[in-house]
PDB file of N, CA and C in Angstrom:
ATOM      1  N   MET A   1      62.436 -26.859 -99.510  1.00  0.00           N
ATOM      2  CA  MET A   1      63.464 -26.004 -99.803  1.00  0.00           C
ATOM      3  C   MET A   1      63.477 -24.713 -98.781  1.00  0.00           C
ATOM      4  N   HIS A   2      62.141 -24.255 -98.405  1.00  0.00           N
ATOM      5  CA  HIS A   2      61.968 -23.226 -97.416  1.00  0.00           C
ATOM      6  C   HIS A   2      62.659 -23.596 -96.136  1.00  0.00           C
ATOM      7  N   ARG A   3      62.542 -24.803 -95.683  1.00  0.00           N
ATOM      8  CA  ARG A   3      62.996 -25.156 -94.414  1.00  0.00           C
ATOM      9  C   ARG A   3      64.564 -25.212 -94.398  1.00  0.00           C
ATOM     10  N   TYR A   4      65.153 -25.518 -95.556  1.00  0.00           N
ATOM     11  CA  TYR A   4      66.503 -25.575 -95.716  1.00  0.00           C
ATOM     12  C   TYR A   4      67.099 -24.154 -95.628  1.00  0.00           C
ATOM     13  N   VAL A   5      66.559 -23.188 -96.359  1.00  0.00           N
ATOM     14  CA  VAL A   5      67.009 -21.771 -96.225  1.00  0.00           C
ATOM     15  C   VAL A   5      66.841 -21.246 -94.832  1.00  0.00           C
ATOM     16  N   THR A   6      65.673 -21.653 -94.139  1.00  0.00           N
ATOM     17  CA  THR A   6      65.446 -21.116 -92.810  1.00  0.00           C
ATOM     18  C   THR A   6      66.428 -21.733 -91.901  1.00  0.00           C
ATOM     19  N   ALA A   7      66.906 -23.032 -92.022  1.00  0.00           N
ATOM     20  CA  ALA A   7      67.838 -23.625 -91.104  1.00  0.00           C
ATOM     21  C   ALA A   7      69.278 -22.999 -91.352  1.00  0.00           C
ATOM     22  N   ILE A   8      69.609 -22.686 -92.617  1.00  0.00           N
ATOM     23  CA  ILE A   8      70.787 -22.002 -92.926  1.00  0.00           C
ATOM     24  C   ILE A   8      70.912 -20.560 -92.305  1.00  0.00           C
ATOM     25  N   THR A   9      69.651 -19.945 -92.425  1.00  0.00           N
ATOM     26  CA  THR A   9      69.700 -18.444 -91.870  1.00  0.00           C
ATOM     27  C   THR A   9      69.795 -18.487 -90.430  1.00  0.00           C
ATOM     28  N   LEU A  10      69.087 -19.425 -89.757  1.00  0.00           N
ATOM     29  CA  LEU A  10      69.233 -19.485 -88.283  1.00  0.00           C
ATOM     30  C   LEU A  10      70.640 -19.959 -87.790  1.00  0.00           C
ATOM     31  N   PHE A  11      71.169 -20.745 -88.486  1.00  0.00           N
ATOM     32  CA  PHE A  11      72.618 -21.223 -88.272  1.00  0.00           C
ATOM     33  C   PHE A  11      73.613 -20.010 -88.393  1.00  0.00           C
ATOM     34  N   ALA A  12      73.337 -19.287 -89.510  1.00  0.00           N
ATOM     35  CA  ALA A  12      74.328 -18.119 -89.740  1.00  0.00           C
ATOM     36  C   ALA A  12      74.098 -17.024 -88.604  1.00  0.00           C
ATOM     37  N   ILE A  13      72.846 -16.824 -88.121  1.00  0.00           N
ATOM     38  CA  ILE A  13      72.549 -15.874 -87.032  1.00  0.00           C
ATOM     39  C   ILE A  13      73.212 -16.345 -85.816  1.00  0.00           C
ATOM     40  N   PHE A  14      73.143 -17.626 -85.521  1.00  0.00           N
ATOM     41  CA  PHE A  14      73.810 -18.267 -84.376  1.00  0.00           C
ATOM     42  C   PHE A  14      75.306 -17.918 -84.410  1.00  0.00           C
ATOM     43  N   LEU A  15      75.961 -18.324 -85.460  1.00  0.00           N
ATOM     44  CA  LEU A  15      77.365 -18.129 -85.589  1.00  0.00           C
ATOM     45  C   LEU A  15      77.811 -16.625 -85.417  1.00  0.00           C
ATOM     46  N   PHE A  16      76.991 -15.726 -86.006  1.00  0.00           N
ATOM     47  CA  PHE A  16      77.331 -14.292 -85.968  1.00  0.00           C
ATOM     48  C   PHE A  16      77.104 -13.910 -84.520  1.00  0.00           C
ATOM     49  N   SER A  17      76.145 -14.357 -83.701  1.00  0.00           N
ATOM     50  CA  SER A  17      75.921 -13.997 -82.296  1.00  0.00           C
ATOM     51  C   SER A  17      77.044 -14.484 -81.500  1.00  0.00           C
ATOM     52  N   VAL A  18      77.441 -15.729 -81.652  1.00  0.00           N
ATOM     53  CA  VAL A  18      78.503 -16.242 -80.892  1.00  0.00           C
ATOM     54  C   VAL A  18      79.931 -15.475 -81.189  1.00  0.00           C
ATOM     55  N   SER A  19      80.199 -15.198 -82.318  1.00  0.00           N
ATOM     56  CA  SER A  19      81.358 -14.426 -82.638  1.00  0.00           C
ATOM     57  C   SER A  19      81.359 -13.094 -81.896  1.00  0.00           C
ATOM     58  N   PHE A  20      80.259 -12.453 -81.692  1.00  0.00           N
ATOM     59  CA  PHE A  20      80.190 -11.087 -81.162  1.00  0.00           C
ATOM     60  C   PHE A  20      80.125 -11.196 -79.565  1.00  0.00           C
ATOM     61  N   SER A  21      79.735 -12.430 -79.061  1.00  0.00           N
ATOM     62  CA  SER A  21      79.688 -12.592 -77.563  1.00  0.00           C
ATOM     63  C   SER A  21      81.020 -12.763 -77.120  1.00  0.00           C
ATOM     64  N   GLU A  22      82.028 -13.172 -77.907  1.00  0.00           N
ATOM     65  CA  GLU A  22      83.335 -13.220 -77.482  1.00  0.00           C
ATOM     66  C   GLU A  22      84.107 -11.945 -77.162  1.00  0.00           C
ATOM     67  N   ALA A  23      83.653 -10.896 -77.968  1.00  0.00           N
ATOM     68  CA  ALA A  23      84.229  -9.716 -77.824  1.00  0.00           C
ATOM     69  C   ALA A  23      83.766  -9.044 -76.515  1.00  0.00           C
ATOM     70  N   LYS A  24      84.518  -9.012 -75.570  1.00  0.00           N
ATOM     71  CA  LYS A  24      84.267  -8.479 -74.162  1.00  0.00           C
ATOM     72  C   LYS A  24      85.051  -7.151 -73.857  1.00  0.00           C
ATOM     73  N   THR A  25      84.480  -6.421 -73.105  1.00  0.00           N
ATOM     74  CA  THR A  25      85.327  -5.236 -72.671  1.00  0.00           C
ATOM     75  C   THR A  25      85.619  -5.239 -71.137  1.00  0.00           C
ATOM     76  N   VAL A  26      86.525  -4.373 -70.780  1.00  0.00           N
ATOM     77  CA  VAL A  26      86.998  -4.374 -69.414  1.00  0.00           C
ATOM     78  C   VAL A  26      86.958  -2.914 -68.983  1.00  0.00           C
ATOM     79  N   TRP A  27      86.592  -2.584 -67.727  1.00  0.00           N
ATOM     80  CA  TRP A  27      86.477  -1.157 -67.257  1.00  0.00           C
ATOM     81  C   TRP A  27      87.799  -0.958 -66.569  1.00  0.00           C
ATOM     82  N   VAL A  28      88.478   0.080 -66.912  1.00  0.00           N
ATOM     83  CA  VAL A  28      89.825   0.423 -66.297  1.00  0.00           C
ATOM     84  C   VAL A  28      89.724   1.650 -65.442  1.00  0.00           C
ATOM     85  N   LYS A  29      90.007   1.468 -64.198  1.00  0.00           N
ATOM     86  CA  LYS A  29      89.814   2.768 -63.343  1.00  0.00           C
ATOM     87  C   LYS A  29      90.751   3.789 -63.700  1.00  0.00           C
ATOM     88  N   GLY A  30      90.489   4.985 -63.310  1.00  0.00           N
ATOM     89  CA  GLY A  30      91.507   6.108 -63.406  1.00  0.00           C
ATOM     90  C   GLY A  30      92.595   5.879 -62.522  1.00  0.00           C
ATOM     91  N   LYS A  31      93.827   6.437 -62.803  1.00  0.00           N
ATOM     92  CA  LYS A  31      94.946   6.280 -61.960  1.00  0.00           C
ATOM     93  C   LYS A  31      95.898   7.372 -62.168  1.00  0.00           C
ATOM     94  N   LEU A  32      96.737   7.643 -61.145  1.00  0.00           N
ATOM     95  CA  LEU A  32      97.804   8.665 -61.175  1.00  0.00           C
ATOM     96  C   LEU A  32      99.109   7.945 -61.481  1.00  0.00           C
ATOM     97  N   GLN A  33      99.730   8.217 -62.527  1.00  0.00           N
ATOM     98  CA  GLN A  33     101.029   7.575 -62.835  1.00  0.00           C
ATOM     99  C   GLN A  33     102.270   8.106 -62.048  1.00  0.00           C
ATOM    100  N   LYS A  34     103.327   7.534 -62.113  1.00  0.00           N
ATOM    101  CA  LYS A  34     104.478   7.964 -61.405  1.00  0.00           C
ATOM    102  C   LYS A  34     104.982   9.206 -61.822  1.00  0.00           C
ATOM    103  N   ASP A  35     104.865   9.595 -63.154  1.00  0.00           N
ATOM    104  CA  ASP A  35     105.296  10.762 -63.659  1.00  0.00           C
ATOM    105  C   ASP A  35     104.306  12.017 -63.376  1.00  0.00           C
ATOM    106  N   GLY A  36     103.236  11.666 -62.675  1.00  0.00           N
ATOM    107  CA  GLY A  36     102.245  12.762 -62.245  1.00  0.00           C
ATOM    108  C   GLY A  36     101.046  12.912 -63.256  1.00  0.00           C
ATOM    109  N   THR A  37     100.998  12.196 -64.412  1.00  0.00           N
ATOM    110  CA  THR A  37     100.028  12.291 -65.229  1.00  0.00           C
ATOM    111  C   THR A  37      98.877  11.407 -64.883  1.00  0.00           C
ATOM    112  N   TYR A  38      97.566  11.956 -65.060  1.00  0.00           N
ATOM    113  CA  TYR A  38      96.469  11.261 -64.692  1.00  0.00           C
ATOM    114  C   TYR A  38      95.765  10.424 -65.966  1.00  0.00           C
ATOM    115  N   VAL A  39      95.490   9.323 -65.845  1.00  0.00           N
ATOM    116  CA  VAL A  39      94.885   8.454 -66.828  1.00  0.00           C
ATOM    117  C   VAL A  39      93.487   8.362 -66.473  1.00  0.00           C
ATOM    118  N   LYS A  40      92.567   8.903 -67.365  1.00  0.00           N
ATOM    119  CA  LYS A  40      91.042   8.888 -67.019  1.00  0.00           C
ATOM    120  C   LYS A  40      90.570   7.416 -67.025  1.00  0.00           C
ATOM    121  N   PRO A  41      89.510   7.133 -66.431  1.00  0.00           N
ATOM    122  CA  PRO A  41      88.903   5.691 -66.401  1.00  0.00           C
ATOM    123  C   PRO A  41      88.225   5.527 -67.874  1.00  0.00           C
ATOM    124  N   HIS A  42      88.451   4.254 -68.318  1.00  0.00           N
ATOM    125  CA  HIS A  42      88.027   4.075 -69.712  1.00  0.00           C
ATOM    126  C   HIS A  42      87.921   2.589 -69.857  1.00  0.00           C
ATOM    127  N   TYR A  43      87.067   2.234 -70.964  1.00  0.00           N
ATOM    128  CA  TYR A  43      87.002   0.806 -71.386  1.00  0.00           C
ATOM    129  C   TYR A  43      88.001   0.399 -72.422  1.00  0.00           C
ATOM    130  N   LYS A  44      88.482  -0.839 -72.265  1.00  0.00           N
ATOM    131  CA  LYS A  44      89.315  -1.348 -73.166  1.00  0.00           C
ATOM    132  C   LYS A  44      88.846  -2.904 -73.539  1.00  0.00           C
ATOM    133  N   SER A  45      89.412  -3.374 -74.678  1.00  0.00           N
ATOM    134  CA  SER A  45      88.998  -4.695 -75.024  1.00  0.00           C
ATOM    135  C   SER A  45      89.705  -5.616 -74.083  1.00  0.00           C
ATOM    136  N   SER A  46      89.043  -6.690 -73.879  1.00  0.00           N
ATOM    137  CA  SER A  46      89.501  -7.702 -72.966  1.00  0.00           C
ATOM    138  C   SER A  46      90.698  -8.306 -73.276  1.00  0.00           C
ATOM    139  N   PRO A  47      91.709  -8.537 -72.450  1.00  0.00           N
ATOM    140  CA  PRO A  47      93.205  -9.028 -72.755  1.00  0.00           C
ATOM    141  C   PRO A  47      92.959 -10.485 -73.206  1.00  0.00           C
ATOM    142  N   ASP A  48      93.598 -10.818 -74.249  1.00  0.00           N
ATOM    143  CA  ASP A  48      93.649 -12.158 -74.734  1.00  0.00           C
ATOM    144  C   ASP A  48      94.904 -12.235 -75.733  1.00  0.00           C
ATOM    145  N   LYS A  49      95.171 -13.362 -76.279  1.00  0.00           N
ATOM    146  CA  LYS A  49      96.435 -13.463 -77.128  1.00  0.00           C
ATOM    147  C   LYS A  49      96.121 -13.094 -78.626  1.00  0.00           C
ATOM    148  N   SER A  50      94.951 -12.529 -78.861  1.00  0.00           N
ATOM    149  CA  SER A  50      94.743 -12.065 -80.345  1.00  0.00           C
ATOM    150  C   SER A  50      95.207 -10.570 -80.704  1.00  0.00           C
ATOM    151  N   ARG A  51      95.798 -10.349 -81.768  1.00  0.00           N
ATOM    152  CA  ARG A  51      96.276  -9.093 -82.110  1.00  0.00           C
ATOM    153  C   ARG A  51      95.023  -8.349 -83.009  1.00  0.00           C
ATOM    154  N   TYR A  52      94.066  -9.078 -83.428  1.00  0.00           N
ATOM    155  CA  TYR A  52      93.201  -8.589 -84.354  1.00  0.00           C
ATOM    156  C   TYR A  52      91.819  -8.059 -83.762  1.00  0.00           C
ATOM    157  N   ASN A  53      91.604  -8.388 -82.563  1.00  0.00           N
ATOM    158  CA  ASN A  53      90.221  -7.988 -81.998  1.00  0.00           C
ATOM    159  C   ASN A  53      90.396  -6.890 -80.912  1.00  0.00           C
ATOM    160  N   ASN A  54      91.553  -6.035 -81.092  1.00  0.00           N
ATOM    161  CA  ASN A  54      91.676  -4.943 -80.113  1.00  0.00           C
ATOM    162  C   ASN A  54      91.202  -3.602 -80.710  1.00  0.00           C
ATOM    163  N   TYR A  55      90.760  -2.755 -79.909  1.00  0.00           N
ATOM    164  CA  TYR A  55      90.141  -1.579 -80.442  1.00  0.00           C
ATOM    165  C   TYR A  55      91.171  -0.749 -81.256  1.00  0.00           C
ATOM    166  N   GLY A  56      92.374  -0.849 -80.888  1.00  0.00           N
ATOM    167  CA  GLY A  56      93.521  -0.033 -81.527  1.00  0.00           C
ATOM    168  C   GLY A  56      93.930  -0.626 -82.978  1.00  0.00           C
ATOM    169  N   THR A  57      93.491  -1.746 -83.213  1.00  0.00           N
ATOM    170  CA  THR A  57      93.958  -2.538 -84.403  1.00  0.00           C
ATOM    171  C   THR A  57      93.284  -1.840 -85.755  1.00  0.00           C
ATOM    172  N   LYS A  58      94.005  -1.733 -86.757  1.00  0.00           N
ATOM    173  CA  LYS A  58      93.317  -1.253 -88.064  1.00  0.00           C
ATOM    174  C   LYS A  58      92.227  -2.228 -88.381  1.00  0.00           C
ATOM    175  N   GLY A  59      91.080  -1.592 -88.901  1.00  0.00           N
ATOM    176  CA  GLY A  59      89.940  -2.157 -89.177  1.00  0.00           C
ATOM    177  C   GLY A  59      88.853  -2.315 -88.085  1.00  0.00           C
ATOM    178  N   ASN A  60      89.261  -1.975 -86.890  1.00  0.00           N
ATOM    179  CA  ASN A  60      88.388  -1.944 -85.753  1.00  0.00           C
ATOM    180  C   ASN A  60      87.939  -0.612 -85.301  1.00  0.00           C
ATOM    181  N   VAL A  61      86.944  -0.427 -84.681  1.00  0.00           N
ATOM    182  CA  VAL A  61      86.535   0.925 -84.146  1.00  0.00           C
ATOM    183  C   VAL A  61      86.186   0.646 -82.697  1.00  0.00           C
ATOM    184  N   ASN A  62      86.613   1.623 -81.894  1.00  0.00           N
ATOM    185  CA  ASN A  62      86.221   1.717 -80.428  1.00  0.00           C
ATOM    186  C   ASN A  62      84.783   2.173 -80.264  1.00  0.00           C
ATOM    187  N   PRO A  63      83.848   1.213 -79.778  1.00  0.00           N
ATOM    188  CA  PRO A  63      82.341   1.565 -79.764  1.00  0.00           C
ATOM    189  C   PRO A  63      82.055   2.588 -78.633  1.00  0.00           C
ATOM    190  N   TYR A  64      83.042   2.966 -77.831  1.00  0.00           N
ATOM    191  CA  TYR A  64      82.783   3.924 -76.818  1.00  0.00           C
ATOM    192  C   TYR A  64      83.162   5.238 -77.288  1.00  0.00           C
ATOM    193  N   THR A  65      84.229   5.428 -78.091  1.00  0.00           N
ATOM    194  CA  THR A  65      84.725   6.686 -78.545  1.00  0.00           C
ATOM    195  C   THR A  65      84.559   6.986 -79.967  1.00  0.00           C
ATOM    196  N   GLY A  66      84.260   5.901 -80.763  1.00  0.00           N
ATOM    197  CA  GLY A  66      84.187   6.094 -82.271  1.00  0.00           C
ATOM    198  C   GLY A  66      85.536   6.141 -82.994  1.00  0.00           C
ATOM    199  N   LYS A  67      86.601   6.157 -82.245  1.00  0.00           N
ATOM    200  CA  LYS A  67      88.040   6.305 -82.676  1.00  0.00           C
ATOM    201  C   LYS A  67      88.343   5.028 -83.616  1.00  0.00           C
ATOM    202  N   LYS A  68      88.944   5.055 -84.766  1.00  0.00           N
ATOM    203  CA  LYS A  68      89.368   4.029 -85.616  1.00  0.00           C
ATOM    204  C   LYS A  68      90.642   3.438 -85.137  1.00  0.00           C
ATOM    205  N   GLY A  69      90.836   2.230 -85.266  1.00  0.00           N
ATOM    206  CA  GLY A  69      92.347   1.627 -84.898  1.00  0.00           C
ATOM    207  C   GLY A  69      93.234   2.011 -85.886  1.00  0.00           C
ATOM    208  N   THR A  70      94.537   2.108 -85.450  1.00  0.00           N
ATOM    209  CA  THR A  70      95.617   2.611 -86.299  1.00  0.00           C
ATOM    210  C   THR A  70      96.738   1.643 -86.405  1.00  0.00           C
ATOM    211  N   LYS A  71      96.880   0.656 -85.341  1.00  0.00           N
ATOM    212  CA  LYS A  71      97.897  -0.242 -85.245  1.00  0.00           C
ATOM    213  C   LYS A  71      97.841  -1.443 -86.239  1.00  0.00           C
ATOM    214  N   ASP A  72      99.160  -1.646 -86.835  1.00  0.00           N
ATOM    215  CA  ASP A  72      99.128  -2.883 -87.658  1.00  0.00           C
ATOM    216  C   ASP A  72      99.133  -4.167 -86.835  1.00  0.00           C
ATOM    217  N   PRO A  73      98.306  -5.055 -87.054  1.00  0.00           N
ATOM    218  CA  PRO A  73      98.185  -6.309 -86.235  1.00  0.00           C
ATOM    219  C   PRO A  73      99.348  -7.112 -86.432  1.00  0.00           C
ATOM    220  N   VAL A  74     100.119  -7.101 -87.416  1.00  0.00           N
ATOM    221  CA  VAL A  74     101.257  -7.893 -87.611  1.00  0.00           C
ATOM    222  C   VAL A  74     102.435  -7.356 -86.881  1.00  0.00           C
ATOM    223  N   LYS A  75     102.483  -6.111 -86.575  1.00  0.00           N
ATOM    224  CA  LYS A  75     103.756  -5.479 -85.826  1.00  0.00           C
ATOM    225  C   LYS A  75     103.439  -5.250 -84.331  1.00  0.00           C
ATOM    226  N   GLN A  76     102.266  -5.656 -84.034  1.00  0.00           N
ATOM    227  CA  GLN A  76     101.946  -5.571 -82.520  1.00  0.00           C
ATOM    228  C   GLN A  76     102.530  -6.662 -81.699  1.00  0.00           C
ATOM    229  N   LYS A  77     102.865  -6.219 -80.482  1.00  0.00           N
ATOM    230  CA  LYS A  77     103.368  -7.254 -79.441  1.00  0.00           C
ATOM    231  C   LYS A  77     102.231  -7.589 -78.600  1.00  0.00           C
ATOM    232  N   TYR A  78     102.374  -8.824 -78.025  1.00  0.00           N
ATOM    233  CA  TYR A  78     101.292  -9.349 -77.216  1.00  0.00           C
ATOM    234  C   TYR A  78     101.377  -8.521 -75.862  1.00  0.00           C
TER     235      TYR A  78
END
């Protein structure tokens, strides 16, 4: 029984670590926009086709700023 519980625990830890290894970040350089405003350098979530794993989506938190996401994932565009 102890081996069974240990095996399940290790498997759960493996799945948990794999799911977080997929969440990657991208460094964005600062830039001057055409209208003259400057966008500071920052991190953003890696581009993909998911609406649910972005920092700005409700339920998520940007680990660099601590800001909670506010966008509804159903209404977001890709």
